[in-house]
Amino acid sequence: MTAIPLTDARSRFFDLVERAAAGEVFTLTSRDIPRATLGPVPTDDRPLLSAEQAVDIFLHHQMDAGAWDAIRFPGDTIGEDGLG
């Protein structure tokens, strides 16, 4: 992680954002005190629900198996007891 003074970051902002989007992480400092971190946006590999699945959840307060499978990660155990 590279430390960059805020005064330098201000003049190089767009370059730093592009580099962060490519995977670099920067610590922005003020008087050598870390103030913020600039880095790539984390991605979520979970697929989005379809409109029909979202409406079903809203109307019936429960999910069909396809909707449930769409948001679960391997190893999730929530809902396997029938309570959630």
C-alpha atoms as a PDB file:
ATOM      1  CA  MET A   1       0.000   0.000   0.000  1.00  0.00           C
ATOM      2  CA  THR A   2       1.425   3.351  -1.066  1.00  0.00           C
ATOM      3  CA  ALA A   3       1.090   6.414   1.196  1.00  0.00           C
ATOM      4  CA  ILE A   4       0.311   9.650  -0.635  1.00  0.00           C
ATOM      5  CA  PRO A   5      -0.066  13.098   0.981  1.00  0.00           C
ATOM      6  CA  LEU A   6      -3.472  14.656   0.309  1.00  0.00           C
ATOM      7  CA  THR A   7      -1.811  17.673  -1.297  1.00  0.00           C
ATOM      8  CA  ASP A   8      -0.203  15.380  -3.900  1.00  0.00           C
ATOM      9  CA  ALA A   9      -3.337  13.284  -4.310  1.00  0.00           C
ATOM     10  CA  ARG A  10      -5.364  16.402  -5.093  1.00  0.00           C
ATOM     11  CA  SER A  11      -3.249  17.209  -8.136  1.00  0.00           C
ATOM     12  CA  ARG A  12      -3.116  13.560  -9.317  1.00  0.00           C
ATOM     13  CA  PHE A  13      -6.664  12.556  -8.391  1.00  0.00           C
ATOM     14  CA  PHE A  14      -7.865  11.192 -11.749  1.00  0.00           C
ATOM     15  CA  ASP A  15      -4.645   9.240 -12.285  1.00  0.00           C
ATOM     16  CA  LEU A  16      -4.912   7.739  -8.790  1.00  0.00           C
ATOM     17  CA  VAL A  17      -8.550   6.753  -9.366  1.00  0.00           C
ATOM     18  CA  GLU A  18      -7.619   4.961 -12.591  1.00  0.00           C
ATOM     19  CA  ARG A  19      -4.763   3.157 -10.858  1.00  0.00           C
ATOM     20  CA  ALA A  20      -7.036   2.224  -7.951  1.00  0.00           C
ATOM     21  CA  ALA A  21      -9.634   0.873 -10.377  1.00  0.00           C
ATOM     22  CA  ALA A  22      -6.863  -1.305 -11.818  1.00  0.00           C
ATOM     23  CA  GLY A  23      -6.207  -2.797  -8.370  1.00  0.00           C
ATOM     24  CA  GLU A  24      -3.737  -0.531  -6.555  1.00  0.00           C
ATOM     25  CA  VAL A  25      -4.496   0.612  -3.005  1.00  0.00           C
ATOM     26  CA  PHE A  26      -3.349   3.973  -1.640  1.00  0.00           C
ATOM     27  CA  THR A  27      -3.379   5.458   1.848  1.00  0.00           C
ATOM     28  CA  LEU A  28      -4.089   9.176   1.747  1.00  0.00           C
ATOM     29  CA  THR A  29      -2.283  11.047   4.505  1.00  0.00           C
ATOM     30  CA  SER A  30      -2.386  14.481   6.080  1.00  0.00           C
ATOM     31  CA  ARG A  31       0.753  15.481   7.962  1.00  0.00           C
ATOM     32  CA  ASP A  32       1.836  11.832   7.831  1.00  0.00           C
ATOM     33  CA  ILE A  33      -1.387  10.726   9.535  1.00  0.00           C
ATOM     34  CA  PRO A  34      -3.461   8.190   7.539  1.00  0.00           C
ATOM     35  CA  ARG A  35      -6.826   9.749   6.714  1.00  0.00           C
ATOM     36  CA  ALA A  36      -8.404   7.536   4.031  1.00  0.00           C
ATOM     37  CA  THR A  37      -7.842   4.601   1.734  1.00  0.00           C
ATOM     38  CA  LEU A  38      -8.341   4.695  -2.025  1.00  0.00           C
ATOM     39  CA  GLY A  39      -8.699   1.346  -3.762  1.00  0.00           C
ATOM     40  CA  PRO A  40     -10.764  -0.730  -6.172  1.00  0.00           C
ATOM     41  CA  VAL A  41     -14.463  -1.232  -5.580  1.00  0.00           C
ATOM     42  CA  PRO A  42     -15.049  -4.761  -4.272  1.00  0.00           C
ATOM     43  CA  THR A  43     -17.170  -6.937  -6.541  1.00  0.00           C
ATOM     44  CA  ASP A  44     -19.885  -9.287  -5.403  1.00  0.00           C
ATOM     45  CA  ASP A  45     -20.069 -12.477  -7.446  1.00  0.00           C
ATOM     46  CA  ARG A  46     -23.639 -13.164  -6.431  1.00  0.00           C
ATOM     47  CA  PRO A  47     -26.054 -12.983  -9.374  1.00  0.00           C
ATOM     48  CA  LEU A  48     -28.955 -10.541  -9.240  1.00  0.00           C
ATOM     49  CA  LEU A  49     -32.478 -11.792  -8.668  1.00  0.00           C
ATOM     50  CA  SER A  50     -34.897 -11.686 -11.569  1.00  0.00           C
ATOM     51  CA  ALA A  51     -37.826  -9.264 -11.400  1.00  0.00           C
ATOM     52  CA  GLU A  52     -40.228 -12.186 -10.943  1.00  0.00           C
ATOM     53  CA  GLN A  53     -38.204 -13.536  -8.015  1.00  0.00           C
ATOM     54  CA  ALA A  54     -38.107 -10.096  -6.363  1.00  0.00           C
ATOM     55  CA  VAL A  55     -41.895  -9.676  -6.733  1.00  0.00           C
ATOM     56  CA  ASP A  56     -42.470 -13.178  -5.331  1.00  0.00           C
ATOM     57  CA  ILE A  57     -40.334 -12.362  -2.290  1.00  0.00           C
ATOM     58  CA  PHE A  58     -42.150  -9.058  -1.783  1.00  0.00           C
ATOM     59  CA  LEU A  59     -45.646 -10.510  -2.143  1.00  0.00           C
ATOM     60  CA  HIS A  60     -45.191 -13.801  -0.314  1.00  0.00           C
ATOM     61  CA  HIS A  61     -42.336 -12.988   2.060  1.00  0.00           C
ATOM     62  CA  GLN A  62     -40.544 -16.122   0.939  1.00  0.00           C
ATOM     63  CA  MET A  63     -38.188 -17.113  -1.840  1.00  0.00           C
ATOM     64  CA  ASP A  64     -38.500 -19.856  -4.369  1.00  0.00           C
ATOM     65  CA  ALA A  65     -35.618 -22.290  -4.648  1.00  0.00           C
ATOM     66  CA  GLY A  66     -34.153 -20.502  -7.667  1.00  0.00           C
ATOM     67  CA  ALA A  67     -34.040 -17.154  -5.876  1.00  0.00           C
ATOM     68  CA  TRP A  68     -32.517 -18.731  -2.792  1.00  0.00           C
ATOM     69  CA  ASP A  69     -29.855 -20.507  -4.858  1.00  0.00           C
ATOM     70  CA  ALA A  70     -29.064 -17.249  -6.681  1.00  0.00           C
ATOM     71  CA  ILE A  71     -27.959 -15.434  -3.518  1.00  0.00           C
ATOM     72  CA  ARG A  72     -26.312 -18.237  -1.564  1.00  0.00           C
ATOM     73  CA  PHE A  73     -22.598 -18.856  -1.507  1.00  0.00           C
ATOM     74  CA  PRO A  74     -21.286 -22.418  -1.180  1.00  0.00           C
ATOM     75  CA  GLY A  75     -21.192 -23.271   2.509  1.00  0.00           C
ATOM     76  CA  ASP A  76     -24.061 -20.991   3.583  1.00  0.00           C
ATOM     77  CA  THR A  77     -26.270 -22.719   6.117  1.00  0.00           C
ATOM     78  CA  ILE A  78     -28.865 -20.008   6.757  1.00  0.00           C
ATOM     79  CA  GLY A  79     -32.333 -21.258   5.941  1.00  0.00           C
ATOM     80  CA  GLU A  80     -31.499 -24.934   5.911  1.00  0.00           C
ATOM     81  CA  ASP A  81     -33.422 -25.407   9.148  1.00  0.00           C
ATOM     82  CA  GLY A  82     -36.588 -24.084   7.498  1.00  0.00           C
ATOM     83  CA  LEU A  83     -36.623 -20.929   9.637  1.00  0.00           C
ATOM     84  CA  GLY A  84     -35.108 -18.430   7.262  1.00  0.00           C
END
